[in-house]
């Protein structure tokens, strides 16, 4: 499985972020997150990375299974952060690996049909992940100051992103960290294949434009 259409737009989930900004509701948090995933898939988001390290395995399994059902009639794909066991059991499309996790090639040997991504934080990590085979895409960051990482977290900047894009070619690289509609043109100029974000895809729940408008503007930016 691979991601061929550009740009690649990846919603990274965060129940903590959703709860902090959601309107009052009687629906359980996981149900609200599944609704967000469904909305994102219908708006044209390419990929959903389920990244919920605080969830128990059983709850994570339920979330992933429901997320896969929510995107079923769209081109969106669901990957699970680092938990290949849960991804396989819940019928996800693949797994997203930390830079210090299993090598993408080793994961591919176990799960040949999986969509496999890898987070990287330096050019060396990018070369190692892209050179080992197995990965379908890389996510590089933190590119800009990020609300989720805090003000003291180091940022790489667009020049480092451009270097990773060149070093990893032809493997697609997504930028993460402080991604906004305003910063998207600088990201696109590096040759990156797209973006991964939490807050950017909050849509109207985050007091921003509707999700379909965010996706349209991102596509226009990367296709200019």
C-alpha atoms as a PDB file:
ATOM      1  CA  UNK A   1       0.000   0.000   0.000  1.00  0.00           C
ATOM      2  CA  UNK A   2       1.317   3.459  -0.819  1.00  0.00           C
ATOM      3  CA  UNK A   3       0.270   7.104  -0.825  1.00  0.00           C
ATOM      4  CA  UNK A   4       0.337   8.368  -4.394  1.00  0.00           C
ATOM      5  CA  UNK A   5      -1.855  11.491  -4.470  1.00  0.00           C
ATOM      6  CA  UNK A   6      -0.229  14.783  -3.450  1.00  0.00           C
ATOM      7  CA  UNK A   7      -0.371  16.552  -1.136  1.00  0.00           C
ATOM      8  CA  UNK A   8      -0.507  13.982   1.651  1.00  0.00           C
ATOM      9  CA  UNK A   9      -2.519  15.479   4.505  1.00  0.00           C
ATOM     10  CA  UNK A  10      -2.312  13.644   7.812  1.00  0.00           C
ATOM     11  CA  UNK A  11      -4.528  14.197  10.844  1.00  0.00           C
ATOM     12  CA  UNK A  12      -2.680  13.173  14.008  1.00  0.00           C
ATOM     13  CA  UNK A  13      -5.177  12.378  16.742  1.00  0.00           C
ATOM     14  CA  UNK A  14      -5.060  13.759  20.263  1.00  0.00           C
ATOM     15  CA  UNK A  15      -7.915  13.110  22.656  1.00  0.00           C
ATOM     16  CA  UNK A  16      -6.285  15.577  25.051  1.00  0.00           C
ATOM     17  CA  UNK A  17      -6.370  18.359  22.451  1.00  0.00           C
ATOM     18  CA  UNK A  18      -9.929  17.476  21.455  1.00  0.00           C
ATOM     19  CA  UNK A  19     -11.166  17.512  25.046  1.00  0.00           C
ATOM     20  CA  UNK A  20      -9.526  20.868  25.737  1.00  0.00           C
ATOM     21  CA  UNK A  21     -11.294  22.545  22.829  1.00  0.00           C
ATOM     22  CA  UNK A  22     -14.498  20.585  22.226  1.00  0.00           C
ATOM     23  CA  UNK A  23     -17.906  22.053  22.868  1.00  0.00           C
ATOM     24  CA  UNK A  24     -19.769  20.497  25.811  1.00  0.00           C
ATOM     25  CA  UNK A  25     -21.229  17.142  24.816  1.00  0.00           C
ATOM     26  CA  UNK A  26     -22.684  14.024  26.404  1.00  0.00           C
ATOM     27  CA  UNK A  27     -20.918  11.820  23.838  1.00  0.00           C
ATOM     28  CA  UNK A  28     -17.914   9.816  25.058  1.00  0.00           C
ATOM     29  CA  UNK A  29     -14.503  11.248  24.045  1.00  0.00           C
ATOM     30  CA  UNK A  30     -13.688   8.312  21.750  1.00  0.00           C
ATOM     31  CA  UNK A  31     -16.997   8.740  19.929  1.00  0.00           C
ATOM     32  CA  UNK A  32     -16.264  12.440  19.395  1.00  0.00           C
ATOM     33  CA  UNK A  33     -12.826  11.605  18.053  1.00  0.00           C
ATOM     34  CA  UNK A  34     -14.302   9.081  15.625  1.00  0.00           C
ATOM     35  CA  UNK A  35     -16.695  11.780  14.415  1.00  0.00           C
ATOM     36  CA  UNK A  36     -13.701  14.086  13.871  1.00  0.00           C
ATOM     37  CA  UNK A  37     -11.926  11.352  11.897  1.00  0.00           C
ATOM     38  CA  UNK A  38     -15.006  10.763   9.755  1.00  0.00           C
ATOM     39  CA  UNK A  39     -15.311  14.500   9.064  1.00  0.00           C
ATOM     40  CA  UNK A  40     -11.637  14.715   8.121  1.00  0.00           C
ATOM     41  CA  UNK A  41     -11.841  11.737   5.761  1.00  0.00           C
ATOM     42  CA  UNK A  42     -14.914  13.129   4.034  1.00  0.00           C
ATOM     43  CA  UNK A  43     -13.170  16.512   3.687  1.00  0.00           C
ATOM     44  CA  UNK A  44     -10.276  14.873   1.837  1.00  0.00           C
ATOM     45  CA  UNK A  45      -7.620  14.200   4.481  1.00  0.00           C
ATOM     46  CA  UNK A  46      -5.361  11.429   3.162  1.00  0.00           C
ATOM     47  CA  UNK A  47      -4.197   9.791   6.352  1.00  0.00           C
ATOM     48  CA  UNK A  48      -5.142   9.497  10.020  1.00  0.00           C
ATOM     49  CA  UNK A  49      -2.419   8.658  12.518  1.00  0.00           C
ATOM     50  CA  UNK A  50      -3.949   7.318  15.725  1.00  0.00           C
ATOM     51  CA  UNK A  51      -1.531   8.550  18.383  1.00  0.00           C
ATOM     52  CA  UNK A  52      -3.045   7.921  21.803  1.00  0.00           C
ATOM     53  CA  UNK A  53      -0.309   6.572  24.119  1.00  0.00           C
ATOM     54  CA  UNK A  54      -2.438   7.010  27.232  1.00  0.00           C
ATOM     55  CA  UNK A  55      -5.217   4.669  26.104  1.00  0.00           C
ATOM     56  CA  UNK A  56      -5.438   1.103  27.333  1.00  0.00           C
ATOM     57  CA  UNK A  57      -4.949  -1.462  24.595  1.00  0.00           C
ATOM     58  CA  UNK A  58      -8.625  -2.477  24.612  1.00  0.00           C
ATOM     59  CA  UNK A  59      -9.830   1.127  24.260  1.00  0.00           C
ATOM     60  CA  UNK A  60      -7.233   1.814  21.570  1.00  0.00           C
ATOM     61  CA  UNK A  61      -8.405  -1.271  19.685  1.00  0.00           C
ATOM     62  CA  UNK A  62     -12.002  -0.003  19.804  1.00  0.00           C
ATOM     63  CA  UNK A  63     -10.943   3.456  18.597  1.00  0.00           C
ATOM     64  CA  UNK A  64      -8.917   2.079  15.688  1.00  0.00           C
ATOM     65  CA  UNK A  65     -11.653  -0.317  14.602  1.00  0.00           C
ATOM     66  CA  UNK A  66     -14.238   2.473  14.646  1.00  0.00           C
ATOM     67  CA  UNK A  67     -11.863   4.835  12.832  1.00  0.00           C
ATOM     68  CA  UNK A  68     -11.355   2.276  10.052  1.00  0.00           C
ATOM     69  CA  UNK A  69     -15.128   1.940   9.733  1.00  0.00           C
ATOM     70  CA  UNK A  70     -15.469   5.748   9.639  1.00  0.00           C
ATOM     71  CA  UNK A  71     -13.133   6.135   6.629  1.00  0.00           C
ATOM     72  CA  UNK A  72     -14.274   3.022   4.777  1.00  0.00           C
ATOM     73  CA  UNK A  73     -16.007   4.794   1.869  1.00  0.00           C
ATOM     74  CA  UNK A  74     -13.188   7.317   1.367  1.00  0.00           C
ATOM     75  CA  UNK A  75      -9.593   7.235   0.151  1.00  0.00           C
ATOM     76  CA  UNK A  76      -8.322   8.042   3.668  1.00  0.00           C
ATOM     77  CA  UNK A  77      -6.140   5.472   5.432  1.00  0.00           C
ATOM     78  CA  UNK A  78      -5.663   4.794   9.148  1.00  0.00           C
ATOM     79  CA  UNK A  79      -2.316   3.983  10.777  1.00  0.00           C
ATOM     80  CA  UNK A  80      -1.608   3.347  14.455  1.00  0.00           C
ATOM     81  CA  UNK A  81       1.313   4.935  16.238  1.00  0.00           C
ATOM     82  CA  UNK A  82       3.866   2.243  17.129  1.00  0.00           C
ATOM     83  CA  UNK A  83       1.326  -0.437  18.168  1.00  0.00           C
ATOM     84  CA  UNK A  84       1.532  -2.903  15.291  1.00  0.00           C
ATOM     85  CA  UNK A  85      -0.286  -5.504  17.396  1.00  0.00           C
ATOM     86  CA  UNK A  86      -3.309  -3.235  17.824  1.00  0.00           C
ATOM     87  CA  UNK A  87      -3.147  -2.078  14.196  1.00  0.00           C
ATOM     88  CA  UNK A  88      -3.267  -5.652  12.917  1.00  0.00           C
ATOM     89  CA  UNK A  89      -5.976  -6.786  15.344  1.00  0.00           C
ATOM     90  CA  UNK A  90      -8.223  -3.792  14.616  1.00  0.00           C
ATOM     91  CA  UNK A  91      -7.865  -3.940  10.827  1.00  0.00           C
ATOM     92  CA  UNK A  92      -5.914  -0.693  10.372  1.00  0.00           C
ATOM     93  CA  UNK A  93      -4.183   0.047   7.071  1.00  0.00           C
ATOM     94  CA  UNK A  94      -0.755   0.247   8.661  1.00  0.00           C
ATOM     95  CA  UNK A  95       1.500   1.473  11.423  1.00  0.00           C
ATOM     96  CA  UNK A  96       3.478   4.631  12.147  1.00  0.00           C
ATOM     97  CA  UNK A  97       6.849   3.991  13.802  1.00  0.00           C
ATOM     98  CA  UNK A  98       8.918   6.112  16.138  1.00  0.00           C
ATOM     99  CA  UNK A  99      12.477   6.759  15.042  1.00  0.00           C
ATOM    100  CA  UNK A 100      13.707   4.502  17.863  1.00  0.00           C
ATOM    101  CA  UNK A 101      11.168   1.751  17.200  1.00  0.00           C
ATOM    102  CA  UNK A 102      11.422  -1.286  14.937  1.00  0.00           C
ATOM    103  CA  UNK A 103      13.083  -0.652  11.581  1.00  0.00           C
ATOM    104  CA  UNK A 104      10.580  -0.168   8.746  1.00  0.00           C
ATOM    105  CA  UNK A 105      12.114  -3.089   6.827  1.00  0.00           C
ATOM    106  CA  UNK A 106      11.630  -5.404   9.783  1.00  0.00           C
ATOM    107  CA  UNK A 107       8.023  -4.284  10.098  1.00  0.00           C
ATOM    108  CA  UNK A 108       7.469  -4.839   6.364  1.00  0.00           C
ATOM    109  CA  UNK A 109       8.736  -8.413   6.700  1.00  0.00           C
ATOM    110  CA  UNK A 110       6.037  -9.106   9.294  1.00  0.00           C
ATOM    111  CA  UNK A 111       3.247  -7.140   7.564  1.00  0.00           C
ATOM    112  CA  UNK A 112       3.917  -6.997   3.799  1.00  0.00           C
ATOM    113  CA  UNK A 113       0.739  -5.104   2.841  1.00  0.00           C
ATOM    114  CA  UNK A 114       0.980  -2.427   5.553  1.00  0.00           C
ATOM    115  CA  UNK A 115       1.212   1.295   4.995  1.00  0.00           C
ATOM    116  CA  UNK A 116       4.325   2.156   7.026  1.00  0.00           C
ATOM    117  CA  UNK A 117       5.399   5.594   8.171  1.00  0.00           C
ATOM    118  CA  UNK A 118       8.311   6.681  10.325  1.00  0.00           C
ATOM    119  CA  UNK A 119       8.888   9.778  12.459  1.00  0.00           C
ATOM    120  CA  UNK A 120      12.331  11.326  12.050  1.00  0.00           C
ATOM    121  CA  UNK A 121      13.997  14.305  13.702  1.00  0.00           C
ATOM    122  CA  UNK A 122      17.253  14.652  11.780  1.00  0.00           C
ATOM    123  CA  UNK A 123      18.773  14.032   8.371  1.00  0.00           C
ATOM    124  CA  UNK A 124      20.663  11.011   9.720  1.00  0.00           C
ATOM    125  CA  UNK A 125      17.461   9.419  11.001  1.00  0.00           C
ATOM    126  CA  UNK A 126      15.749  10.132   7.689  1.00  0.00           C
ATOM    127  CA  UNK A 127      18.548   8.491   5.701  1.00  0.00           C
ATOM    128  CA  UNK A 128      18.503   5.484   8.012  1.00  0.00           C
ATOM    129  CA  UNK A 129      14.726   5.019   7.748  1.00  0.00           C
ATOM    130  CA  UNK A 130      14.548   5.608   4.000  1.00  0.00           C
ATOM    131  CA  UNK A 131      17.625   3.537   3.270  1.00  0.00           C
ATOM    132  CA  UNK A 132      16.511   0.484   5.220  1.00  0.00           C
ATOM    133  CA  UNK A 133      13.530  -0.087   2.929  1.00  0.00           C
ATOM    134  CA  UNK A 134       9.986  -0.724   4.025  1.00  0.00           C
ATOM    135  CA  UNK A 135       8.797   2.814   4.787  1.00  0.00           C
ATOM    136  CA  UNK A 136       6.148   4.443   2.595  1.00  0.00           C
ATOM    137  CA  UNK A 137       6.560   7.951   4.015  1.00  0.00           C
ATOM    138  CA  UNK A 138       8.436   9.947   6.662  1.00  0.00           C
ATOM    139  CA  UNK A 139       7.192  12.612   9.057  1.00  0.00           C
ATOM    140  CA  UNK A 140       9.828  15.215   9.989  1.00  0.00           C
ATOM    141  CA  UNK A 141       9.677  17.747  12.789  1.00  0.00           C
ATOM    142  CA  UNK A 142       9.279  19.691  14.867  1.00  0.00           C
ATOM    143  CA  UNK A 143       9.486  22.275  12.051  1.00  0.00           C
ATOM    144  CA  UNK A 144       7.889  25.301  13.753  1.00  0.00           C
ATOM    145  CA  UNK A 145       7.041  26.108  17.383  1.00  0.00           C
ATOM    146  CA  UNK A 146       4.198  23.814  18.379  1.00  0.00           C
ATOM    147  CA  UNK A 147       1.464  24.231  20.959  1.00  0.00           C
ATOM    148  CA  UNK A 148       1.502  20.501  21.704  1.00  0.00           C
ATOM    149  CA  UNK A 149       5.271  20.449  22.341  1.00  0.00           C
ATOM    150  CA  UNK A 150       5.500  23.669  24.325  1.00  0.00           C
ATOM    151  CA  UNK A 151       7.563  26.851  23.885  1.00  0.00           C
ATOM    152  CA  UNK A 152      10.869  25.311  25.019  1.00  0.00           C
ATOM    153  CA  UNK A 153      10.859  22.418  22.552  1.00  0.00           C
ATOM    154  CA  UNK A 154      13.585  22.818  19.891  1.00  0.00           C
ATOM    155  CA  UNK A 155      12.459  23.467  16.333  1.00  0.00           C
ATOM    156  CA  UNK A 156      14.219  22.416  13.133  1.00  0.00           C
ATOM    157  CA  UNK A 157      13.002  25.042  10.657  1.00  0.00           C
ATOM    158  CA  UNK A 158      12.333  24.830   6.940  1.00  0.00           C
ATOM    159  CA  UNK A 159      15.988  24.561   5.895  1.00  0.00           C
ATOM    160  CA  UNK A 160      16.359  21.329   7.869  1.00  0.00           C
ATOM    161  CA  UNK A 161      13.087  20.116   6.364  1.00  0.00           C
ATOM    162  CA  UNK A 162      14.393  20.815   2.861  1.00  0.00           C
ATOM    163  CA  UNK A 163      17.581  18.878   3.624  1.00  0.00           C
ATOM    164  CA  UNK A 164      15.586  15.876   4.820  1.00  0.00           C
ATOM    165  CA  UNK A 165      13.389  16.025   1.710  1.00  0.00           C
ATOM    166  CA  UNK A 166      16.488  15.939  -0.510  1.00  0.00           C
ATOM    167  CA  UNK A 167      18.155  13.160   1.486  1.00  0.00           C
ATOM    168  CA  UNK A 168      15.037  10.979   1.509  1.00  0.00           C
ATOM    169  CA  UNK A 169      13.987  11.363  -2.135  1.00  0.00           C
ATOM    170  CA  UNK A 170      11.901   9.819  -3.630  1.00  0.00           C
ATOM    171  CA  UNK A 171      10.269   8.846  -0.316  1.00  0.00           C
ATOM    172  CA  UNK A 172       7.578  11.424   0.567  1.00  0.00           C
ATOM    173  CA  UNK A 173       8.257  13.587   3.617  1.00  0.00           C
ATOM    174  CA  UNK A 174       5.528  15.298   5.653  1.00  0.00           C
ATOM    175  CA  UNK A 175       6.231  18.285   7.890  1.00  0.00           C
ATOM    176  CA  UNK A 176       4.916  18.312  11.451  1.00  0.00           C
ATOM    177  CA  UNK A 177       5.035  20.835  14.244  1.00  0.00           C
ATOM    178  CA  UNK A 178       3.347  24.230  14.239  1.00  0.00           C
ATOM    179  CA  UNK A 179       1.864  23.685  10.783  1.00  0.00           C
ATOM    180  CA  UNK A 180      -0.726  26.313   9.820  1.00  0.00           C
ATOM    181  CA  UNK A 181      -2.294  27.580   6.626  1.00  0.00           C
ATOM    182  CA  UNK A 182       0.107  30.524   6.865  1.00  0.00           C
ATOM    183  CA  UNK A 183       3.213  28.300   7.113  1.00  0.00           C
ATOM    184  CA  UNK A 184       2.075  25.839   4.433  1.00  0.00           C
ATOM    185  CA  UNK A 185       3.617  27.762   1.478  1.00  0.00           C
ATOM    186  CA  UNK A 186       7.075  27.639   3.086  1.00  0.00           C
ATOM    187  CA  UNK A 187       6.649  23.901   3.648  1.00  0.00           C
ATOM    188  CA  UNK A 188       5.514  23.307   0.073  1.00  0.00           C
ATOM    189  CA  UNK A 189       8.533  25.245  -1.232  1.00  0.00           C
ATOM    190  CA  UNK A 190      10.891  22.673   0.328  1.00  0.00           C
ATOM    191  CA  UNK A 191       9.480  19.891  -1.848  1.00  0.00           C
ATOM    192  CA  UNK A 192       7.738  18.215   1.086  1.00  0.00           C
ATOM    193  CA  UNK A 193       4.859  15.959   0.056  1.00  0.00           C
ATOM    194  CA  UNK A 194       2.448  17.341   2.626  1.00  0.00           C
ATOM    195  CA  UNK A 195       1.809  17.985   6.294  1.00  0.00           C
ATOM    196  CA  UNK A 196       0.848  16.187   9.479  1.00  0.00           C
ATOM    197  CA  UNK A 197      -0.893  18.085  12.255  1.00  0.00           C
ATOM    198  CA  UNK A 198      -3.211  18.018  15.243  1.00  0.00           C
ATOM    199  CA  UNK A 199      -4.571  21.542  15.657  1.00  0.00           C
ATOM    200  CA  UNK A 200      -4.620  22.439  11.953  1.00  0.00           C
ATOM    201  CA  UNK A 201      -7.343  19.881  11.309  1.00  0.00           C
ATOM    202  CA  UNK A 202      -9.526  20.937  14.240  1.00  0.00           C
ATOM    203  CA  UNK A 203     -11.730  22.824  11.765  1.00  0.00           C
ATOM    204  CA  UNK A 204     -14.713  24.666  13.172  1.00  0.00           C
ATOM    205  CA  UNK A 205     -14.178  22.917  16.536  1.00  0.00           C
ATOM    206  CA  UNK A 206     -10.996  24.958  16.854  1.00  0.00           C
ATOM    207  CA  UNK A 207     -12.746  28.232  15.862  1.00  0.00           C
ATOM    208  CA  UNK A 208     -11.116  28.032  12.424  1.00  0.00           C
ATOM    209  CA  UNK A 209     -12.446  27.465   8.912  1.00  0.00           C
ATOM    210  CA  UNK A 210     -14.435  24.292   8.186  1.00  0.00           C
ATOM    211  CA  UNK A 211     -12.301  21.234   7.537  1.00  0.00           C
ATOM    212  CA  UNK A 212     -13.201  21.027   3.867  1.00  0.00           C
ATOM    213  CA  UNK A 213     -12.000  24.620   3.433  1.00  0.00           C
ATOM    214  CA  UNK A 214      -8.715  23.877   5.217  1.00  0.00           C
ATOM    215  CA  UNK A 215      -8.126  20.872   2.965  1.00  0.00           C
ATOM    216  CA  UNK A 216      -8.964  22.861  -0.173  1.00  0.00           C
ATOM    217  CA  UNK A 217      -6.562  25.649   0.754  1.00  0.00           C
ATOM    218  CA  UNK A 218      -3.773  23.191   1.539  1.00  0.00           C
ATOM    219  CA  UNK A 219      -4.261  21.410  -1.778  1.00  0.00           C
ATOM    220  CA  UNK A 220      -4.157  24.732  -3.622  1.00  0.00           C
ATOM    221  CA  UNK A 221      -0.947  25.665  -1.811  1.00  0.00           C
ATOM    222  CA  UNK A 222       0.879  22.459  -2.663  1.00  0.00           C
ATOM    223  CA  UNK A 223      -0.322  22.391  -6.252  1.00  0.00           C
ATOM    224  CA  UNK A 224       0.664  25.995  -7.088  1.00  0.00           C
END
